[in-house]
């Protein structure tokens, strides 16, 4: 009887879980004995790390040929319920049909969603760059500004959240606005960050560079306050400041997909599921967690994987390999990713490249931008649908670092 591996999600972690699982099955010579199924709305990889950019073409490469090349089946739909007790998941197809898929191993790679607290007016008036459709909505809104009468509010964008996404979104925005409103338009871009300083999760070491880069891009920083309300005319902060703006972009963090809550046990404040060194969900037999839903140690020094593409690429490879390895008799592989880098894009200024969890500055401006281009246009994109070439880089200890 054919054994079943079911993977929820075709993002970075889900894609590489599927490819790594297929590699392990092939290595064991068990191609006909283990079936690998990916469940996601479409066989596409949405390039979420780039959705802050102005040009959105090429942000959803098709995976159908790649899945076919390695023998992975794609089911269009979403997993809605996990039945850990009987090893099955309920699926709602994109056509509305509901059905159940049994599994011998289940890999939860459903990713994360933008954190949207109940701030008055946020849902009605703010934009975001969390998903491709929302990035397109922001783009359409910005382009429509040119048809409105010129006012200070029309020319102002407030970016709520001064983390990684907020910084990259803000840095692109002045040039993006001028391309729409005219080169001489008096544009204003303001980042509102509730922490005392910009980039709180990035730490103090790169902060002077971040502040300098944003200033040169023409971005203002308002720190130590939060967006309290949003309306059609702008925002009011928690300290009472009013910023008139026709555009508000919300970037304040992410939470694990709600499916993670269906796995028993404790979860961290982001909703992630604690994983053992092999990315098994602790306390849930037959379930692996990976990508943004996994709380996993990257090393033996207390660091845990960030909710990032960089970590998802390795987490996916390890989870997929181990899910298959348990079924076909191969050795399992512990997850480890001690090398950590960041590359923060500042649009026309260039980029900031750091190494280590303390984020030591290594490259800035055009040197950093060259690395960012490599990451954004090559490293994070799916491979070509060549089975042998895919399997050569789908091993669980394969890590791309600059």
Protein backbone atom coordinates (compact mmCIF):
# COMPACT_ATOMS: atom_id res chain seq x y z
CA UNK A 1 0.00 0.00 0.00
CA UNK A 2 1.34 3.43 -0.95
CA UNK A 3 2.37 5.61 1.96
CA UNK A 4 1.33 9.25 1.93
CA UNK A 5 3.21 12.46 2.71
CA UNK A 6 0.93 15.51 2.72
CA UNK A 7 2.42 19.02 2.77
CA UNK A 8 0.26 22.05 3.54
CA UNK A 9 1.60 25.07 1.66
CA UNK A 10 3.74 25.79 -1.40
CA UNK A 11 5.71 28.73 -0.05
CA UNK A 12 9.46 28.59 0.43
CA UNK A 13 9.29 25.95 3.18
CA UNK A 14 6.54 23.91 1.52
CA UNK A 15 8.22 23.89 -1.88
CA UNK A 16 11.57 22.73 -0.52
CA UNK A 17 9.93 20.22 1.81
CA UNK A 18 8.33 18.62 -1.25
CA UNK A 19 11.55 18.63 -3.27
CA UNK A 20 13.61 17.27 -0.39
CA UNK A 21 11.07 14.56 0.35
CA UNK A 22 11.05 13.53 -3.31
CA UNK A 23 14.84 13.36 -3.25
CA UNK A 24 14.85 11.12 -0.17
CA UNK A 25 12.27 8.78 -1.68
CA UNK A 26 14.31 8.54 -4.87
CA UNK A 27 17.55 7.92 -2.96
CA UNK A 28 15.90 4.99 -1.22
CA UNK A 29 14.60 3.62 -4.52
CA UNK A 30 11.02 3.85 -3.26
CA UNK A 31 9.44 6.10 -5.90
CA UNK A 32 6.44 3.84 -6.35
CA UNK A 33 5.87 3.30 -2.63
CA UNK A 34 5.55 6.86 -1.26
CA UNK A 35 3.29 9.56 -2.69
CA UNK A 36 3.97 13.24 -1.97
CA UNK A 37 1.07 15.69 -2.17
CA UNK A 38 1.24 19.47 -1.78
CA UNK A 39 -1.97 21.29 -0.91
CA UNK A 40 -2.11 25.01 -1.71
CA UNK A 41 -4.46 27.30 -3.61
CA UNK A 42 -2.25 27.37 -6.71
CA UNK A 43 1.01 25.67 -7.74
CA UNK A 44 2.88 28.92 -7.37
CA UNK A 45 5.60 30.34 -5.16
CA UNK A 46 4.73 33.88 -4.14
CA UNK A 47 7.92 35.87 -3.64
CA UNK A 48 6.77 37.64 -0.48
CA UNK A 49 10.18 39.14 0.39
CA UNK A 50 9.93 41.33 -2.73
CA UNK A 51 6.36 42.58 -2.48
CA UNK A 52 7.51 45.98 -1.21
CA UNK A 53 8.86 46.70 -4.69
CA UNK A 54 7.16 48.86 -7.31
CA UNK A 55 7.35 46.28 -10.12
CA UNK A 56 5.37 43.15 -9.27
CA UNK A 57 5.83 41.08 -12.42
CA UNK A 58 7.48 37.71 -11.87
CA UNK A 59 6.47 37.51 -8.21
CA UNK A 60 4.51 34.24 -8.54
CA UNK A 61 6.56 31.70 -10.52
CA UNK A 62 4.63 28.58 -11.53
CA UNK A 63 5.65 25.31 -9.89
CA UNK A 64 3.58 22.85 -11.92
CA UNK A 65 6.41 21.71 -14.20
CA UNK A 66 8.80 21.49 -11.24
CA UNK A 67 6.41 19.33 -9.24
CA UNK A 68 5.83 17.10 -12.27
CA UNK A 69 9.57 16.70 -12.84
CA UNK A 70 10.13 15.30 -9.33
CA UNK A 71 6.89 13.32 -9.05
CA UNK A 72 4.99 15.55 -6.61
CA UNK A 73 1.22 15.94 -6.91
CA UNK A 74 -0.40 19.32 -6.34
CA UNK A 75 -3.95 19.60 -4.99
CA UNK A 76 -5.52 23.07 -5.40
CA UNK A 77 -7.10 24.00 -2.10
CA UNK A 78 -6.36 24.67 1.55
CA UNK A 79 -6.05 22.38 4.54
CA UNK A 80 -8.76 23.38 7.00
CA UNK A 81 -8.57 20.76 9.75
CA UNK A 82 -5.81 18.50 11.07
CA UNK A 83 -6.98 15.19 12.55
CA UNK A 84 -3.80 14.09 14.31
CA UNK A 85 -5.60 11.22 16.06
CA UNK A 86 -6.43 9.48 12.79
CA UNK A 87 -3.68 10.94 10.60
CA UNK A 88 -5.82 12.81 8.11
CA UNK A 89 -6.48 16.37 7.03
CA UNK A 90 -9.64 17.98 5.72
CA UNK A 91 -9.21 20.03 2.55
CA UNK A 92 -11.43 22.58 0.88
CA UNK A 93 -10.63 22.70 -2.82
CA UNK A 94 -10.53 25.91 -4.81
CA UNK A 95 -13.71 24.65 -6.53
CA UNK A 96 -15.47 24.49 -3.14
CA UNK A 97 -15.36 20.69 -2.83
CA UNK A 98 -14.51 19.29 0.60
CA UNK A 99 -12.60 16.07 1.07
CA UNK A 100 -10.18 14.28 3.38
CA UNK A 101 -6.61 13.23 2.68
CA UNK A 102 -5.02 10.51 4.84
CA UNK A 103 -1.35 10.80 5.65
CA UNK A 104 1.47 8.77 7.11
CA UNK A 105 3.48 11.97 7.58
CA UNK A 106 2.11 15.51 7.52
CA UNK A 107 4.27 18.61 7.01
CA UNK A 108 2.71 21.88 8.11
CA UNK A 109 4.28 24.58 5.94
CA UNK A 110 1.35 26.98 5.83
CA UNK A 111 3.44 30.08 6.50
CA UNK A 112 2.36 33.22 8.30
CA UNK A 113 -0.11 36.06 8.04
CA UNK A 114 0.19 39.74 8.71
CA UNK A 115 -0.63 40.67 12.30
CA UNK A 116 -3.65 43.00 12.23
CA UNK A 117 -4.76 44.12 15.69
CA UNK A 118 -8.20 45.70 16.22
CA UNK A 119 -7.07 49.27 15.60
CA UNK A 120 -10.01 51.46 14.58
CA UNK A 121 -10.01 51.95 10.81
CA UNK A 122 -7.06 49.65 10.11
CA UNK A 123 -8.98 47.03 8.14
CA UNK A 124 -10.95 49.62 6.19
CA UNK A 125 -8.27 52.14 5.27
CA UNK A 126 -4.78 50.63 5.43
CA UNK A 127 -2.85 48.78 2.74
CA UNK A 128 -0.13 46.16 3.14
CA UNK A 129 2.45 44.21 1.15
CA UNK A 130 1.98 40.87 2.87
CA UNK A 131 0.40 39.02 -0.06
CA UNK A 132 0.56 39.49 -3.82
CA UNK A 133 -3.04 40.63 -4.16
CA UNK A 134 -2.59 43.21 -1.41
CA UNK A 135 0.63 44.46 -3.03
CA UNK A 136 -1.29 44.90 -6.29
CA UNK A 137 -4.03 46.77 -4.42
CA UNK A 138 -1.45 49.18 -2.98
CA UNK A 139 0.09 49.66 -6.41
CA UNK A 140 -3.28 50.48 -7.98
CA UNK A 141 -4.05 52.92 -5.17
CA UNK A 142 -0.73 54.73 -5.56
CA UNK A 143 -1.15 55.06 -9.32
CA UNK A 144 -4.66 56.46 -8.81
CA UNK A 145 -3.27 59.27 -6.66
CA UNK A 146 -2.19 61.13 -9.80
CA UNK A 147 -5.84 61.76 -10.63
CA UNK A 148 -6.52 63.43 -7.28
CA UNK A 149 -6.03 67.13 -6.54
CA UNK A 150 -2.60 67.86 -5.16
CA UNK A 151 -2.57 68.19 -1.39
CA UNK A 152 -0.05 67.42 1.32
CA UNK A 153 -2.13 64.40 2.33
CA UNK A 154 -2.21 63.04 -1.22
CA UNK A 155 1.57 63.24 -1.36
CA UNK A 156 2.10 61.58 2.04
CA UNK A 157 2.54 57.91 2.87
CA UNK A 158 2.61 56.61 6.44
CA UNK A 159 4.31 53.25 6.95
CA UNK A 160 3.17 51.74 10.23
CA UNK A 161 5.93 49.53 11.60
CA UNK A 162 9.67 50.10 11.45
CA UNK A 163 10.83 46.52 11.15
CA UNK A 164 12.40 44.83 8.13
CA UNK A 165 9.37 45.11 5.84
CA UNK A 166 8.49 48.60 6.97
CA UNK A 167 12.00 49.89 6.34
CA UNK A 168 12.21 48.37 2.85
CA UNK A 169 8.72 49.60 1.94
CA UNK A 170 9.46 53.12 3.15
CA UNK A 171 12.83 53.38 1.42
CA UNK A 172 11.27 52.59 -1.96
CA UNK A 173 8.34 54.95 -1.50
CA UNK A 174 9.74 58.46 -2.22
CA UNK A 175 10.98 57.49 -5.69
CA UNK A 176 7.86 55.41 -6.25
CA UNK A 177 5.65 58.40 -5.48
CA UNK A 178 7.66 60.77 -7.68
CA UNK A 179 7.41 58.34 -10.59
CA UNK A 180 3.61 58.61 -10.27
CA UNK A 181 3.12 62.22 -9.15
CA UNK A 182 5.99 63.88 -10.97
CA UNK A 183 9.68 64.39 -10.33
CA UNK A 184 9.08 67.74 -8.61
CA UNK A 185 6.26 66.54 -6.34
CA UNK A 186 6.76 67.39 -2.68
CA UNK A 187 6.36 63.90 -1.25
CA UNK A 188 6.51 62.87 2.38
CA UNK A 189 7.11 59.35 3.71
CA UNK A 190 6.87 58.73 7.46
CA UNK A 191 7.67 55.52 9.35
CA UNK A 192 5.83 55.21 12.66
CA UNK A 193 7.50 52.76 15.06
CA UNK A 194 6.24 52.13 18.57
CA UNK A 195 9.67 51.08 19.88
CA UNK A 196 12.06 53.84 20.98
CA UNK A 197 14.12 53.48 17.80
CA UNK A 198 13.81 52.22 14.23
CA UNK A 199 14.46 48.55 13.51
CA UNK A 200 14.04 47.25 17.07
CA UNK A 201 14.51 43.61 16.03
CA UNK A 202 17.65 44.47 14.09
CA UNK A 203 19.48 45.71 17.17
CA UNK A 204 21.73 48.70 17.82
CA UNK A 205 24.74 47.84 15.64
CA UNK A 206 23.27 48.60 12.19
CA UNK A 207 20.94 51.36 13.43
CA UNK A 208 23.16 54.33 12.50
CA UNK A 209 23.41 53.01 8.95
CA UNK A 210 19.64 52.44 8.80
CA UNK A 211 18.93 55.95 10.03
CA UNK A 212 21.40 57.48 7.58
CA UNK A 213 20.06 55.47 4.64
CA UNK A 214 16.44 56.37 5.38
CA UNK A 215 17.34 60.04 5.78
CA UNK A 216 19.11 60.05 2.41
CA UNK A 217 16.09 58.37 0.84
CA UNK A 218 13.90 61.14 2.24
CA UNK A 219 12.10 59.10 4.88
CA UNK A 220 11.13 60.53 8.28
CA UNK A 221 11.16 58.38 11.41
CA UNK A 222 8.63 58.87 14.19
CA UNK A 223 9.58 56.48 16.99
CA UNK A 224 8.24 55.88 20.47
CA UNK A 225 4.60 56.00 19.38
CA UNK A 226 2.12 53.71 17.67
CA UNK A 227 -0.69 54.14 15.19
CA UNK A 228 -3.83 54.43 17.32
CA UNK A 229 -6.46 55.03 14.62
CA UNK A 230 -6.59 55.03 10.83
CA UNK A 231 -9.11 56.85 8.65
CA UNK A 232 -9.46 57.94 5.05
CA UNK A 233 -7.46 61.08 5.78
CA UNK A 234 -4.49 59.63 7.67
CA UNK A 235 -3.52 58.39 11.12
CA UNK A 236 -3.57 59.50 14.72
CA UNK A 237 -0.78 58.19 16.91
CA UNK A 238 -0.91 57.03 20.50
CA UNK A 239 0.75 60.29 21.56
CA UNK A 240 -1.96 62.31 19.85
CA UNK A 241 -0.05 63.38 16.74
CA UNK A 242 -2.10 63.67 13.57
CA UNK A 243 -0.45 62.79 10.25
CA UNK A 244 -2.58 63.58 7.21
CA UNK A 245 -1.99 60.93 4.56
CA UNK A 246 -3.93 59.42 1.68
CA UNK A 247 -1.92 56.22 2.01
CA UNK A 248 -1.23 54.13 5.10
CA UNK A 249 0.78 50.91 4.78
CA UNK A 250 0.62 48.46 7.70
CA UNK A 251 3.76 46.32 8.18
CA UNK A 252 3.71 45.53 11.89
CA UNK A 253 4.75 41.91 12.14
CA UNK A 254 3.45 38.43 11.35
CA UNK A 255 1.77 35.52 13.08
CA UNK A 256 1.86 31.82 12.24
CA UNK A 257 -0.98 30.50 10.10
CA UNK A 258 -4.01 29.67 12.30
CA UNK A 259 -3.62 25.99 11.36
CA UNK A 260 -0.70 25.88 13.77
CA UNK A 261 -3.14 26.34 16.65
CA UNK A 262 -4.68 22.94 15.83
CA UNK A 263 -1.48 21.18 16.86
CA UNK A 264 -1.58 20.38 20.56
CA UNK A 265 0.83 21.84 23.07
CA UNK A 266 2.30 25.22 23.87
CA UNK A 267 2.92 27.84 21.19
CA UNK A 268 5.11 30.93 21.28
CA UNK A 269 3.77 34.48 21.11
CA UNK A 270 3.80 34.35 17.32
CA UNK A 271 1.70 31.18 17.31
CA UNK A 272 4.57 28.91 16.27
CA UNK A 273 4.74 25.23 17.19
CA UNK A 274 7.79 24.04 19.16
CA UNK A 275 9.81 21.57 17.10
CA UNK A 276 12.38 19.00 18.10
CA UNK A 277 15.82 19.01 16.37
CA UNK A 278 14.33 17.02 13.47
CA UNK A 279 11.38 19.43 13.11
CA UNK A 280 8.82 17.02 14.47
CA UNK A 281 6.00 18.83 16.24
CA UNK A 282 6.63 18.02 19.89
CA UNK A 283 3.88 15.77 21.21
CA UNK A 284 2.24 15.09 17.82
CA UNK A 285 3.26 11.83 16.15
CA UNK A 286 3.62 11.94 12.40
CA UNK A 287 3.54 15.76 12.12
CA UNK A 288 6.44 17.97 11.08
CA UNK A 289 6.42 21.77 11.23
CA UNK A 290 8.53 24.02 9.08
CA UNK A 291 8.94 27.60 7.92
CA UNK A 292 7.04 30.33 9.71
CA UNK A 293 4.93 27.91 11.78
CA UNK A 294 7.98 26.27 13.39
CA UNK A 295 9.72 27.34 16.59
CA UNK A 296 13.10 25.75 15.93
CA UNK A 297 16.58 26.26 17.35
CA UNK A 298 19.11 27.28 14.72
CA UNK A 299 22.15 26.54 16.89
CA UNK A 300 23.19 25.64 20.42
CA UNK A 301 23.51 29.27 21.54
CA UNK A 302 19.83 30.01 22.09
CA UNK A 303 18.96 31.43 18.67
CA UNK A 304 15.74 30.36 16.97
CA UNK A 305 14.77 30.58 13.33
CA UNK A 306 13.25 33.87 12.25
CA UNK A 307 10.03 34.05 10.27
CA UNK A 308 12.05 34.65 7.13
CA UNK A 309 12.73 33.24 3.69
CA UNK A 310 16.36 32.62 4.67
CA UNK A 311 15.37 30.17 7.38
CA UNK A 312 12.38 28.71 5.52
CA UNK A 313 14.60 27.44 2.70
CA UNK A 314 16.60 25.26 5.11
CA UNK A 315 13.71 24.40 7.41
CA UNK A 316 11.76 23.11 4.43
CA UNK A 317 14.58 20.92 3.19
CA UNK A 318 15.06 19.35 6.63
CA UNK A 319 11.38 18.76 7.36
CA UNK A 320 10.70 17.23 3.97
CA UNK A 321 13.73 14.98 4.12
CA UNK A 322 12.91 13.74 7.60
CA UNK A 323 9.24 13.11 6.84
CA UNK A 324 10.29 10.88 3.94
CA UNK A 325 13.31 9.39 5.68
CA UNK A 326 11.14 7.98 8.47
CA UNK A 327 9.06 6.14 5.88
CA UNK A 328 11.83 4.84 3.61
CA UNK A 329 14.48 3.98 6.19
CA UNK A 330 17.03 6.73 5.57
CA UNK A 331 18.84 8.51 8.42
CA UNK A 332 17.06 11.59 9.67
CA UNK A 333 18.89 14.92 9.70
CA UNK A 334 18.85 17.49 12.53
CA UNK A 335 18.11 21.08 11.64
CA UNK A 336 20.99 23.50 12.13
CA UNK A 337 21.53 26.93 10.58
CA UNK A 338 24.23 28.72 12.59
CA UNK A 339 25.13 31.13 9.76
CA UNK A 340 22.80 34.13 9.83
CA UNK A 341 22.86 37.16 7.56
CA UNK A 342 20.51 40.01 6.75
CA UNK A 343 20.32 42.15 3.64
CA UNK A 344 18.14 45.21 3.97
CA UNK A 345 17.12 47.06 0.80
CA UNK A 346 17.10 50.88 0.78
CA UNK A 347 16.01 51.47 -2.79
CA UNK A 348 18.18 54.13 -4.48
CA UNK A 349 20.60 54.29 -1.53
CA UNK A 350 21.66 50.67 -1.94
CA UNK A 351 21.45 47.93 0.67
CA UNK A 352 22.85 46.97 4.06
CA UNK A 353 24.37 43.51 4.46
CA UNK A 354 25.09 42.20 7.95
CA UNK A 355 26.42 38.97 9.42
CA UNK A 356 25.59 37.25 12.70
CA UNK A 357 22.75 37.61 15.16
CA UNK A 358 24.38 40.81 16.41
CA UNK A 359 24.22 42.05 12.80
CA UNK A 360 27.74 43.26 12.21
CA UNK A 361 27.81 45.56 9.19
CA UNK A 362 29.75 44.05 6.29
CA UNK A 363 28.53 45.78 3.12
CA UNK A 364 26.62 48.97 2.42
CA UNK A 365 25.31 50.99 -0.51
CA UNK A 366 26.06 49.52 -3.95
CA UNK A 367 28.14 46.61 -2.60
CA UNK A 368 25.20 45.60 -0.42
CA UNK A 369 22.80 46.16 -3.31
CA UNK A 370 24.72 43.72 -5.49
CA UNK A 371 24.17 41.00 -2.90
CA UNK A 372 20.50 41.97 -2.56
CA UNK A 373 20.02 41.62 -6.32
CA UNK A 374 21.51 38.13 -6.22
CA UNK A 375 19.21 37.16 -3.36
CA UNK A 376 16.08 38.70 -4.86
CA UNK A 377 16.50 37.56 -8.45
CA UNK A 378 18.29 34.20 -8.14
CA UNK A 379 18.70 32.56 -4.75
CA UNK A 380 15.10 32.66 -3.55
CA UNK A 381 13.52 31.63 -6.86
CA UNK A 382 12.60 28.00 -7.57
CA UNK A 383 14.99 25.89 -9.64
CA UNK A 384 14.34 24.79 -13.19
CA UNK A 385 12.28 21.59 -13.61
CA UNK A 386 15.29 19.30 -14.00
CA UNK A 387 15.01 16.32 -11.64
CA UNK A 388 18.73 15.63 -11.27
CA UNK A 389 19.62 19.30 -10.85
CA UNK A 390 16.87 19.75 -8.25
CA UNK A 391 17.95 16.73 -6.24
CA UNK A 392 21.54 18.02 -6.26
CA UNK A 393 20.44 21.02 -4.15
CA UNK A 394 17.50 19.56 -2.23
CA UNK A 395 19.57 17.79 0.43
CA UNK A 396 18.80 18.75 4.02
CA UNK A 397 22.22 20.25 4.73
CA UNK A 398 22.26 22.50 1.65
CA UNK A 399 22.41 26.18 2.66
CA UNK A 400 22.83 29.21 0.44
CA UNK A 401 24.72 32.06 2.09
CA UNK A 402 26.60 34.92 0.45
